[in-house]
């Protein structure tokens, strides 16, 4: 249920509020970056291997999904403006 997931997220995030310095997050951030790069490599490799098996009737994009795409893109890059000032402080 939604309450359970909220409680789990709260238990995971609350200890982060007590960090005095974000230097403690350097190793987890590097690990997260490595995992993201590994995931991208796996996804692109899979895509390039199977690219010839895509049927012609599958459209690359639909105009109806364009607003959703821009919403997700803006939301994803919105966090960068919050993190950079925190790292510089």
Protein backbone atom coordinates (compact mmCIF):
# COMPACT_ATOMS: atom_id res chain seq x y z
CA UNK A 1 0.00 0.00 0.00
CA UNK A 2 1.00 3.63 -0.32
CA UNK A 3 1.43 4.08 3.43
CA UNK A 4 3.96 1.26 3.62
CA UNK A 5 6.09 2.69 0.81
CA UNK A 6 5.94 6.14 2.39
CA UNK A 7 7.18 4.76 5.69
CA UNK A 8 9.99 2.83 4.00
CA UNK A 9 11.08 5.96 2.11
CA UNK A 10 10.92 8.01 5.31
CA UNK A 11 13.10 5.51 7.19
CA UNK A 12 15.61 5.60 4.32
CA UNK A 13 15.72 9.42 4.00
CA UNK A 14 15.58 10.65 7.61
CA UNK A 15 19.17 9.55 8.49
CA UNK A 16 20.41 11.59 5.51
CA UNK A 17 19.00 14.71 7.16
CA UNK A 18 21.51 14.38 10.01
CA UNK A 19 24.59 14.49 7.78
CA UNK A 20 26.71 17.54 8.57
CA UNK A 21 28.88 17.22 5.45
CA UNK A 22 28.03 15.80 2.06
CA UNK A 23 31.59 14.50 1.78
CA UNK A 24 30.22 11.31 3.33
CA UNK A 25 28.12 10.80 0.20
CA UNK A 26 31.03 10.79 -2.25
CA UNK A 27 31.49 7.00 -2.31
CA UNK A 28 27.75 6.24 -2.69
CA UNK A 29 27.50 8.88 -5.43
CA UNK A 30 30.42 7.34 -7.34
CA UNK A 31 28.89 3.88 -6.92
CA UNK A 32 25.55 5.19 -8.20
CA UNK A 33 27.29 6.74 -11.24
CA UNK A 34 29.04 3.45 -12.03
CA UNK A 35 25.76 1.54 -11.78
CA UNK A 36 24.03 4.07 -14.07
CA UNK A 37 26.81 3.81 -16.68
CA UNK A 38 26.68 0.01 -16.49
CA UNK A 39 22.90 0.09 -16.98
CA UNK A 40 23.22 2.39 -19.98
CA UNK A 41 25.84 0.12 -21.54
CA UNK A 42 23.58 -2.91 -21.07
CA UNK A 43 20.56 -1.09 -22.53
CA UNK A 44 22.42 0.26 -25.57
CA UNK A 45 24.08 -3.09 -26.23
CA UNK A 46 20.73 -4.87 -26.10
CA UNK A 47 19.16 -2.23 -28.34
CA UNK A 48 21.91 -2.37 -30.96
CA UNK A 49 21.85 -6.17 -31.03
CA UNK A 50 18.08 -6.29 -31.54
CA UNK A 51 17.65 -3.20 -33.74
CA UNK A 52 17.16 -5.28 -36.88
CA UNK A 53 14.25 -7.19 -35.28
CA UNK A 54 12.03 -4.09 -34.92
CA UNK A 55 8.97 -4.38 -37.11
CA UNK A 56 8.32 -1.63 -39.65
CA UNK A 57 4.88 -0.87 -38.25
CA UNK A 58 6.36 0.24 -34.93
CA UNK A 59 6.59 4.01 -34.94
CA UNK A 60 9.56 5.63 -33.25
CA UNK A 61 7.44 8.26 -31.52
CA UNK A 62 3.88 9.44 -31.33
CA UNK A 63 3.00 13.12 -31.20
CA UNK A 64 0.62 12.48 -28.31
CA UNK A 65 3.54 11.44 -26.10
CA UNK A 66 5.59 14.58 -26.75
CA UNK A 67 4.27 16.61 -23.76
CA UNK A 68 4.94 13.68 -21.45
CA UNK A 69 8.49 13.42 -22.78
CA UNK A 70 9.22 17.09 -22.11
CA UNK A 71 7.66 16.84 -18.66
CA UNK A 72 9.90 13.93 -17.75
CA UNK A 73 12.97 15.63 -19.24
CA UNK A 74 12.38 18.87 -17.33
CA UNK A 75 11.71 16.98 -14.10
CA UNK A 76 14.91 14.93 -14.53
CA UNK A 77 17.14 17.96 -15.08
CA UNK A 78 15.44 20.09 -12.44
CA UNK A 79 17.42 18.44 -9.64
CA UNK A 80 20.79 19.54 -11.05
CA UNK A 81 20.05 23.14 -10.07
CA UNK A 82 19.55 22.02 -6.48
CA UNK A 83 22.60 19.76 -6.15
CA UNK A 84 25.34 22.03 -7.56
CA UNK A 85 24.90 24.86 -5.00
CA UNK A 86 24.83 22.30 -2.17
CA UNK A 87 28.10 20.75 -3.36
CA UNK A 88 29.79 24.13 -3.58
CA UNK A 89 28.85 25.10 -0.02
